[in-house]
Amino acid sequence: MSRSTPIPARRPAASPRVHGSATILLIDDDPAVCEALHRLLSLEGWHVVAASGGEQALEQLQAGEPSLLITDLCMTKISGWDILFHEKLQRPSLPIFVITALPRSATRDADNFATEFFEKPIDPDALIAAVRHHLGAPPT
């Protein structure tokens, strides 16, 4: 694993909500994956904020607290590992889903911190079921 950039401390922020619905922060540096998951979750009725990497995710986390975080593990500079560990320390009750193309044997440590774990390609039905389990059904 490459050396990553330390995550700076952040100020507390209010939880962003749109029309009373939960906000999902989606972090993936693969534009195709990010767009597909954004579309899937948005079509289900959740408010989704996408970040194209760890740096942009930190900006979003500074702006407000999501109801759920979905992150890829392998990203440059600030990795999903960094986001996962930092957010679990800062916000232990925040549900964090890990998505990765890495084999399960290479990601055993993520199991100790991630609320849910999904290997790419992601089963959309399983992802929606897990989001519903942790956030409830979005308003119609």
N, C-alpha and C. Protein backbone atom coordinates (compact mmCIF):
# COMPACT_ATOMS: atom_id res chain seq x y z
N MET A 1 0.85 -1.17 0.00
CA MET A 1 0.00 0.00 0.00
C MET A 1 0.90 1.23 0.00
N SER A 2 0.59 2.20 -0.81
CA SER A 2 1.40 3.41 -0.89
C SER A 2 1.12 4.32 0.29
N ARG A 3 2.07 5.17 0.56
CA ARG A 3 1.93 6.14 1.64
C ARG A 3 0.86 7.15 1.25
N SER A 4 -0.05 7.43 2.14
CA SER A 4 -1.15 8.32 1.80
C SER A 4 -1.01 9.65 2.52
N THR A 5 -1.78 10.60 2.08
CA THR A 5 -1.81 11.93 2.64
C THR A 5 -2.62 11.93 3.93
N PRO A 6 -2.13 12.55 5.01
CA PRO A 6 -2.91 12.60 6.24
C PRO A 6 -4.19 13.40 6.03
N ILE A 7 -5.22 13.01 6.74
CA ILE A 7 -6.50 13.71 6.65
C ILE A 7 -6.53 14.81 7.69
N PRO A 8 -6.80 16.05 7.28
CA PRO A 8 -6.83 17.15 8.24
C PRO A 8 -8.07 17.08 9.14
N ALA A 9 -7.95 17.67 10.33
CA ALA A 9 -9.09 17.75 11.23
C ALA A 9 -10.16 18.62 10.60
N ARG A 10 -11.40 18.40 11.01
CA ARG A 10 -12.47 19.19 10.42
C ARG A 10 -13.35 19.76 11.50
N ARG A 11 -14.05 20.81 11.13
CA ARG A 11 -14.98 21.42 12.05
C ARG A 11 -16.30 20.66 11.99
N PRO A 12 -17.06 20.61 13.09
CA PRO A 12 -18.35 19.95 13.05
C PRO A 12 -19.28 20.69 12.09
N ALA A 13 -20.12 19.93 11.43
CA ALA A 13 -21.06 20.53 10.49
C ALA A 13 -22.42 19.88 10.64
N ALA A 14 -23.43 20.62 10.25
CA ALA A 14 -24.79 20.10 10.30
C ALA A 14 -24.98 19.06 9.21
N SER A 15 -25.90 18.17 9.44
CA SER A 15 -26.19 17.12 8.46
C SER A 15 -27.01 17.69 7.31
N PRO A 16 -26.51 17.57 6.05
CA PRO A 16 -27.28 18.08 4.94
C PRO A 16 -28.46 17.16 4.63
N ARG A 17 -29.62 17.71 4.47
CA ARG A 17 -30.81 16.95 4.13
C ARG A 17 -31.51 17.68 2.99
N VAL A 18 -32.04 16.93 2.09
CA VAL A 18 -32.82 17.51 1.00
C VAL A 18 -34.23 16.98 1.13
N HIS A 19 -35.18 17.86 1.36
CA HIS A 19 -36.58 17.48 1.51
C HIS A 19 -36.75 16.35 2.51
N GLY A 20 -35.97 16.36 3.58
CA GLY A 20 -36.09 15.36 4.63
C GLY A 20 -35.50 14.01 4.29
N SER A 21 -34.88 13.85 3.13
CA SER A 21 -34.34 12.54 2.77
C SER A 21 -32.88 12.44 3.20
N ALA A 22 -32.44 11.20 3.33
CA ALA A 22 -31.07 10.93 3.73
C ALA A 22 -30.11 11.33 2.61
N THR A 23 -28.91 11.74 2.99
CA THR A 23 -27.86 12.08 2.03
C THR A 23 -26.81 10.99 2.04
N ILE A 24 -26.49 10.49 0.85
CA ILE A 24 -25.46 9.47 0.68
C ILE A 24 -24.27 10.13 0.01
N LEU A 25 -23.10 10.02 0.62
CA LEU A 25 -21.87 10.49 0.00
C LEU A 25 -21.22 9.30 -0.69
N LEU A 26 -21.07 9.40 -2.00
CA LEU A 26 -20.53 8.34 -2.84
C LEU A 26 -19.15 8.76 -3.32
N ILE A 27 -18.13 7.94 -3.04
CA ILE A 27 -16.75 8.29 -3.39
C ILE A 27 -16.16 7.18 -4.26
N ASP A 28 -15.82 7.55 -5.50
CA ASP A 28 -15.15 6.61 -6.39
C ASP A 28 -14.45 7.42 -7.48
N ASP A 29 -13.18 7.08 -7.74
CA ASP A 29 -12.43 7.83 -8.76
C ASP A 29 -12.64 7.28 -10.16
N ASP A 30 -13.45 6.24 -10.32
CA ASP A 30 -13.82 5.73 -11.63
C ASP A 30 -15.13 6.40 -12.03
N PRO A 31 -15.10 7.30 -13.01
CA PRO A 31 -16.31 8.04 -13.39
C PRO A 31 -17.48 7.15 -13.78
N ALA A 32 -17.21 6.04 -14.45
CA ALA A 32 -18.30 5.16 -14.87
C ALA A 32 -19.00 4.52 -13.67
N VAL A 33 -18.22 4.06 -12.70
CA VAL A 33 -18.79 3.46 -11.50
C VAL A 33 -19.55 4.52 -10.71
N CYS A 34 -18.94 5.68 -10.55
CA CYS A 34 -19.57 6.76 -9.79
C CYS A 34 -20.90 7.17 -10.43
N GLU A 35 -20.91 7.32 -11.73
CA GLU A 35 -22.14 7.72 -12.43
C GLU A 35 -23.22 6.64 -12.31
N ALA A 36 -22.84 5.38 -12.49
CA ALA A 36 -23.81 4.29 -12.42
C ALA A 36 -24.43 4.18 -11.02
N LEU A 37 -23.60 4.25 -9.99
CA LEU A 37 -24.12 4.15 -8.64
C LEU A 37 -24.94 5.38 -8.25
N HIS A 38 -24.50 6.55 -8.71
CA HIS A 38 -25.24 7.78 -8.46
C HIS A 38 -26.64 7.66 -9.06
N ARG A 39 -26.70 7.21 -10.29
CA ARG A 39 -27.99 7.06 -10.98
C ARG A 39 -28.87 6.03 -10.26
N LEU A 40 -28.29 4.88 -9.92
CA LEU A 40 -29.04 3.82 -9.24
C LEU A 40 -29.65 4.32 -7.94
N LEU A 41 -28.85 4.94 -7.11
CA LEU A 41 -29.32 5.40 -5.80
C LEU A 41 -30.30 6.57 -5.93
N SER A 42 -30.05 7.45 -6.88
CA SER A 42 -30.95 8.59 -7.10
C SER A 42 -32.31 8.13 -7.60
N LEU A 43 -32.32 7.16 -8.49
CA LEU A 43 -33.59 6.63 -9.00
C LEU A 43 -34.41 5.97 -7.90
N GLU A 44 -33.74 5.51 -6.86
CA GLU A 44 -34.44 4.91 -5.73
C GLU A 44 -34.98 5.98 -4.78
N GLY A 45 -34.58 7.24 -4.98
CA GLY A 45 -35.13 8.33 -4.19
C GLY A 45 -34.21 8.95 -3.16
N TRP A 46 -32.99 8.47 -3.05
CA TRP A 46 -32.07 9.07 -2.10
C TRP A 46 -31.34 10.25 -2.72
N HIS A 47 -30.95 11.19 -1.89
CA HIS A 47 -30.13 12.31 -2.33
C HIS A 47 -28.68 11.84 -2.29
N VAL A 48 -28.00 11.88 -3.44
CA VAL A 48 -26.64 11.37 -3.55
C VAL A 48 -25.70 12.51 -3.91
N VAL A 49 -24.62 12.64 -3.17
CA VAL A 49 -23.56 13.59 -3.46
C VAL A 49 -22.34 12.76 -3.86
N ALA A 50 -21.83 13.00 -5.06
CA ALA A 50 -20.70 12.22 -5.55
C ALA A 50 -19.39 12.98 -5.37
N ALA A 51 -18.35 12.23 -5.06
CA ALA A 51 -17.00 12.78 -4.97
C ALA A 51 -16.10 11.90 -5.82
N SER A 52 -15.25 12.52 -6.62
CA SER A 52 -14.41 11.76 -7.55
C SER A 52 -13.09 11.30 -6.94
N GLY A 53 -12.94 11.45 -5.65
CA GLY A 53 -11.73 11.01 -4.96
C GLY A 53 -11.74 11.48 -3.53
N GLY A 54 -10.69 11.08 -2.80
CA GLY A 54 -10.60 11.41 -1.38
C GLY A 54 -10.56 12.89 -1.08
N GLU A 55 -9.87 13.66 -1.93
CA GLU A 55 -9.77 15.11 -1.69
C GLU A 55 -11.15 15.76 -1.78
N GLN A 56 -11.90 15.43 -2.81
CA GLN A 56 -13.23 15.99 -2.98
C GLN A 56 -14.17 15.48 -1.88
N ALA A 57 -13.98 14.24 -1.45
CA ALA A 57 -14.79 13.69 -0.37
C ALA A 57 -14.59 14.48 0.93
N LEU A 58 -13.34 14.84 1.21
CA LEU A 58 -13.07 15.62 2.42
C LEU A 58 -13.77 16.97 2.37
N GLU A 59 -13.81 17.58 1.20
CA GLU A 59 -14.54 18.85 1.05
C GLU A 59 -16.02 18.64 1.36
N GLN A 60 -16.58 17.56 0.86
CA GLN A 60 -17.99 17.27 1.11
C GLN A 60 -18.23 16.98 2.60
N LEU A 61 -17.31 16.28 3.23
CA LEU A 61 -17.44 15.97 4.65
C LEU A 61 -17.30 17.22 5.50
N GLN A 62 -16.51 18.18 5.04
CA GLN A 62 -16.41 19.48 5.74
C GLN A 62 -17.71 20.24 5.64
N ALA A 63 -18.39 20.11 4.50
CA ALA A 63 -19.63 20.85 4.24
C ALA A 63 -20.81 20.29 5.03
N GLY A 64 -20.76 19.03 5.38
CA GLY A 64 -21.88 18.44 6.12
C GLY A 64 -21.69 16.96 6.34
N GLU A 65 -22.49 16.43 7.22
CA GLU A 65 -22.39 15.02 7.58
C GLU A 65 -23.40 14.21 6.79
N PRO A 66 -22.94 13.24 6.01
CA PRO A 66 -23.88 12.38 5.28
C PRO A 66 -24.57 11.41 6.22
N SER A 67 -25.65 10.83 5.74
CA SER A 67 -26.35 9.79 6.50
C SER A 67 -25.69 8.44 6.28
N LEU A 68 -25.02 8.30 5.14
CA LEU A 68 -24.35 7.06 4.78
C LEU A 68 -23.21 7.41 3.83
N LEU A 69 -22.12 6.68 3.92
CA LEU A 69 -20.96 6.92 3.06
C LEU A 69 -20.65 5.63 2.30
N ILE A 70 -20.43 5.76 0.99
CA ILE A 70 -20.02 4.62 0.16
C ILE A 70 -18.69 5.01 -0.47
N THR A 71 -17.65 4.21 -0.23
CA THR A 71 -16.34 4.56 -0.76
C THR A 71 -15.61 3.39 -1.39
N ASP A 72 -14.93 3.69 -2.49
CA ASP A 72 -13.98 2.76 -3.07
C ASP A 72 -12.76 2.77 -2.15
N LEU A 73 -11.97 1.72 -2.17
CA LEU A 73 -10.77 1.68 -1.33
C LEU A 73 -9.55 2.25 -2.03
N CYS A 74 -9.35 1.89 -3.28
CA CYS A 74 -8.12 2.27 -3.99
C CYS A 74 -8.31 3.56 -4.78
N MET A 75 -7.77 4.63 -4.22
CA MET A 75 -7.78 5.94 -4.88
C MET A 75 -6.44 6.59 -4.59
N THR A 76 -6.05 7.55 -5.41
CA THR A 76 -4.77 8.22 -5.22
C THR A 76 -4.85 9.25 -4.09
N LYS A 77 -3.71 9.66 -3.61
CA LYS A 77 -3.53 10.64 -2.53
C LYS A 77 -4.27 10.23 -1.27
N ILE A 78 -5.53 10.57 -1.14
CA ILE A 78 -6.32 10.18 0.03
C ILE A 78 -7.17 8.99 -0.40
N SER A 79 -6.83 7.84 0.15
CA SER A 79 -7.50 6.61 -0.30
C SER A 79 -8.81 6.38 0.46
N GLY A 80 -9.54 5.42 -0.03
CA GLY A 80 -10.75 5.00 0.67
C GLY A 80 -10.44 4.40 2.03
N TRP A 81 -9.25 3.79 2.15
CA TRP A 81 -8.81 3.27 3.45
C TRP A 81 -8.72 4.44 4.44
N ASP A 82 -8.10 5.55 4.00
CA ASP A 82 -7.96 6.72 4.87
C ASP A 82 -9.32 7.25 5.31
N ILE A 83 -10.22 7.37 4.34
CA ILE A 83 -11.57 7.86 4.63
C ILE A 83 -12.27 6.91 5.60
N LEU A 84 -12.20 5.62 5.32
CA LEU A 84 -12.85 4.61 6.16
C LEU A 84 -12.38 4.70 7.61
N PHE A 85 -11.07 4.65 7.83
CA PHE A 85 -10.53 4.65 9.19
C PHE A 85 -10.83 5.98 9.89
N HIS A 86 -10.62 7.08 9.20
CA HIS A 86 -10.84 8.40 9.79
C HIS A 86 -12.30 8.61 10.19
N GLU A 87 -13.20 8.29 9.28
CA GLU A 87 -14.62 8.53 9.56
C GLU A 87 -15.14 7.60 10.65
N LYS A 88 -14.65 6.38 10.73
CA LYS A 88 -15.08 5.49 11.80
C LYS A 88 -14.60 6.00 13.16
N LEU A 89 -13.45 6.65 13.19
CA LEU A 89 -12.98 7.24 14.45
C LEU A 89 -13.76 8.51 14.78
N GLN A 90 -14.04 9.33 13.78
CA GLN A 90 -14.74 10.59 13.99
C GLN A 90 -16.25 10.40 14.20
N ARG A 91 -16.83 9.49 13.45
CA ARG A 91 -18.28 9.28 13.46
C ARG A 91 -18.56 7.77 13.52
N PRO A 92 -18.40 7.17 14.68
CA PRO A 92 -18.52 5.71 14.78
C PRO A 92 -19.87 5.16 14.35
N SER A 93 -20.92 5.95 14.45
CA SER A 93 -22.24 5.44 14.09
C SER A 93 -22.58 5.63 12.61
N LEU A 94 -21.71 6.30 11.85
CA LEU A 94 -21.96 6.52 10.43
C LEU A 94 -21.82 5.20 9.67
N PRO A 95 -22.87 4.77 8.96
CA PRO A 95 -22.73 3.57 8.14
C PRO A 95 -21.79 3.85 6.96
N ILE A 96 -20.79 3.00 6.81
CA ILE A 96 -19.83 3.14 5.72
C ILE A 96 -19.80 1.85 4.92
N PHE A 97 -20.11 1.98 3.63
CA PHE A 97 -20.06 0.83 2.73
C PHE A 97 -18.76 0.93 1.94
N VAL A 98 -18.06 -0.18 1.83
CA VAL A 98 -16.85 -0.26 1.04
C VAL A 98 -17.18 -0.96 -0.27
N ILE A 99 -16.71 -0.38 -1.38
CA ILE A 99 -16.81 -1.01 -2.69
C ILE A 99 -15.40 -1.12 -3.25
N THR A 100 -15.06 -2.28 -3.79
CA THR A 100 -13.70 -2.46 -4.27
C THR A 100 -13.61 -3.57 -5.30
N ALA A 101 -12.61 -3.45 -6.14
CA ALA A 101 -12.28 -4.52 -7.09
C ALA A 101 -11.20 -5.43 -6.53
N LEU A 102 -10.67 -5.08 -5.37
CA LEU A 102 -9.64 -5.91 -4.74
C LEU A 102 -10.24 -7.22 -4.28
N PRO A 103 -9.44 -8.29 -4.30
CA PRO A 103 -9.95 -9.56 -3.79
C PRO A 103 -10.20 -9.47 -2.29
N ARG A 104 -11.17 -10.21 -1.83
CA ARG A 104 -11.55 -10.19 -0.41
C ARG A 104 -10.35 -10.46 0.51
N SER A 105 -9.42 -11.31 0.08
CA SER A 105 -8.25 -11.63 0.89
C SER A 105 -7.35 -10.41 1.12
N ALA A 106 -7.42 -9.42 0.25
CA ALA A 106 -6.59 -8.22 0.38
C ALA A 106 -7.27 -7.12 1.19
N THR A 107 -8.48 -7.37 1.62
CA THR A 107 -9.24 -6.29 2.28
C THR A 107 -9.79 -6.70 3.63
N ARG A 108 -9.19 -7.69 4.25
CA ARG A 108 -9.71 -8.19 5.53
C ARG A 108 -9.81 -7.10 6.60
N ASP A 109 -8.88 -6.17 6.64
CA ASP A 109 -8.93 -5.09 7.64
C ASP A 109 -10.16 -4.20 7.46
N ALA A 110 -10.64 -4.07 6.25
CA ALA A 110 -11.82 -3.24 6.00
C ALA A 110 -13.04 -3.81 6.72
N ASP A 111 -13.09 -5.13 6.89
CA ASP A 111 -14.22 -5.76 7.57
C ASP A 111 -14.39 -5.25 9.00
N ASN A 112 -13.29 -4.87 9.63
CA ASN A 112 -13.37 -4.38 11.00
C ASN A 112 -13.96 -2.98 11.10
N PHE A 113 -14.00 -2.27 10.01
CA PHE A 113 -14.46 -0.88 10.02
C PHE A 113 -15.69 -0.64 9.16
N ALA A 114 -15.82 -1.37 8.07
CA ALA A 114 -16.93 -1.16 7.14
C ALA A 114 -18.22 -1.76 7.68
N THR A 115 -19.30 -1.06 7.43
CA THR A 115 -20.63 -1.55 7.80
C THR A 115 -21.07 -2.63 6.82
N GLU A 116 -20.80 -2.40 5.54
CA GLU A 116 -21.12 -3.35 4.47
C GLU A 116 -19.93 -3.39 3.51
N PHE A 117 -19.79 -4.49 2.80
CA PHE A 117 -18.67 -4.67 1.89
C PHE A 117 -19.20 -5.22 0.57
N PHE A 118 -18.82 -4.57 -0.54
CA PHE A 118 -19.27 -5.00 -1.87
C PHE A 118 -18.08 -5.11 -2.81
N GLU A 119 -17.98 -6.26 -3.46
CA GLU A 119 -16.96 -6.44 -4.49
C GLU A 119 -17.51 -5.99 -5.82
N LYS A 120 -16.64 -5.35 -6.62
CA LYS A 120 -17.03 -4.96 -7.97
C LYS A 120 -16.91 -6.17 -8.89
N PRO A 121 -17.79 -6.37 -9.81
CA PRO A 121 -18.98 -5.56 -10.09
C PRO A 121 -20.02 -5.72 -8.98
N ILE A 122 -20.67 -4.63 -8.66
CA ILE A 122 -21.60 -4.59 -7.54
C ILE A 122 -22.98 -5.09 -7.98
N ASP A 123 -23.55 -5.92 -7.13
CA ASP A 123 -24.92 -6.38 -7.35
C ASP A 123 -25.85 -5.23 -6.93
N PRO A 124 -26.55 -4.61 -7.89
CA PRO A 124 -27.37 -3.44 -7.55
C PRO A 124 -28.48 -3.76 -6.55
N ASP A 125 -29.07 -4.93 -6.65
CA ASP A 125 -30.14 -5.29 -5.71
C ASP A 125 -29.61 -5.42 -4.29
N ALA A 126 -28.43 -5.99 -4.15
CA ALA A 126 -27.82 -6.13 -2.83
C ALA A 126 -27.47 -4.76 -2.24
N LEU A 127 -26.96 -3.87 -3.09
CA LEU A 127 -26.63 -2.53 -2.61
C LEU A 127 -27.88 -1.79 -2.16
N ILE A 128 -28.94 -1.82 -2.96
CA ILE A 128 -30.19 -1.14 -2.60
C ILE A 128 -30.75 -1.73 -1.31
N ALA A 129 -30.73 -3.04 -1.18
CA ALA A 129 -31.23 -3.69 0.04
C ALA A 129 -30.44 -3.24 1.27
N ALA A 130 -29.13 -3.13 1.13
CA ALA A 130 -28.29 -2.71 2.26
C ALA A 130 -28.55 -1.24 2.62
N VAL A 131 -28.70 -0.39 1.61
CA VAL A 131 -28.99 1.02 1.88
C VAL A 131 -30.35 1.13 2.58
N ARG A 132 -31.34 0.42 2.09
CA ARG A 132 -32.66 0.44 2.73
C ARG A 132 -32.57 -0.05 4.17
N HIS A 133 -31.77 -1.07 4.40
CA HIS A 133 -31.61 -1.60 5.76
C HIS A 133 -31.06 -0.54 6.70
N HIS A 134 -30.09 0.22 6.23
CA HIS A 134 -29.43 1.20 7.11
C HIS A 134 -30.10 2.57 7.13
N LEU A 135 -30.81 2.93 6.05
CA LEU A 135 -31.44 4.26 6.01
C LEU A 135 -32.96 4.21 5.98
N GLY A 136 -33.50 3.05 5.71
CA GLY A 136 -34.95 2.97 5.51
C GLY A 136 -35.27 3.37 4.08
N ALA A 137 -36.49 3.15 3.70
CA ALA A 137 -36.91 3.51 2.35
C ALA A 137 -37.00 5.03 2.25
N PRO A 138 -36.56 5.59 1.12
CA PRO A 138 -36.66 7.04 0.95
C PRO A 138 -38.12 7.45 0.78
N PRO A 139 -38.43 8.73 1.03
CA PRO A 139 -39.80 9.18 0.82
C PRO A 139 -40.16 9.09 -0.66
N THR A 140 -41.42 8.82 -0.93
CA THR A 140 -41.86 8.71 -2.32
C THR A 140 -42.37 10.04 -2.83
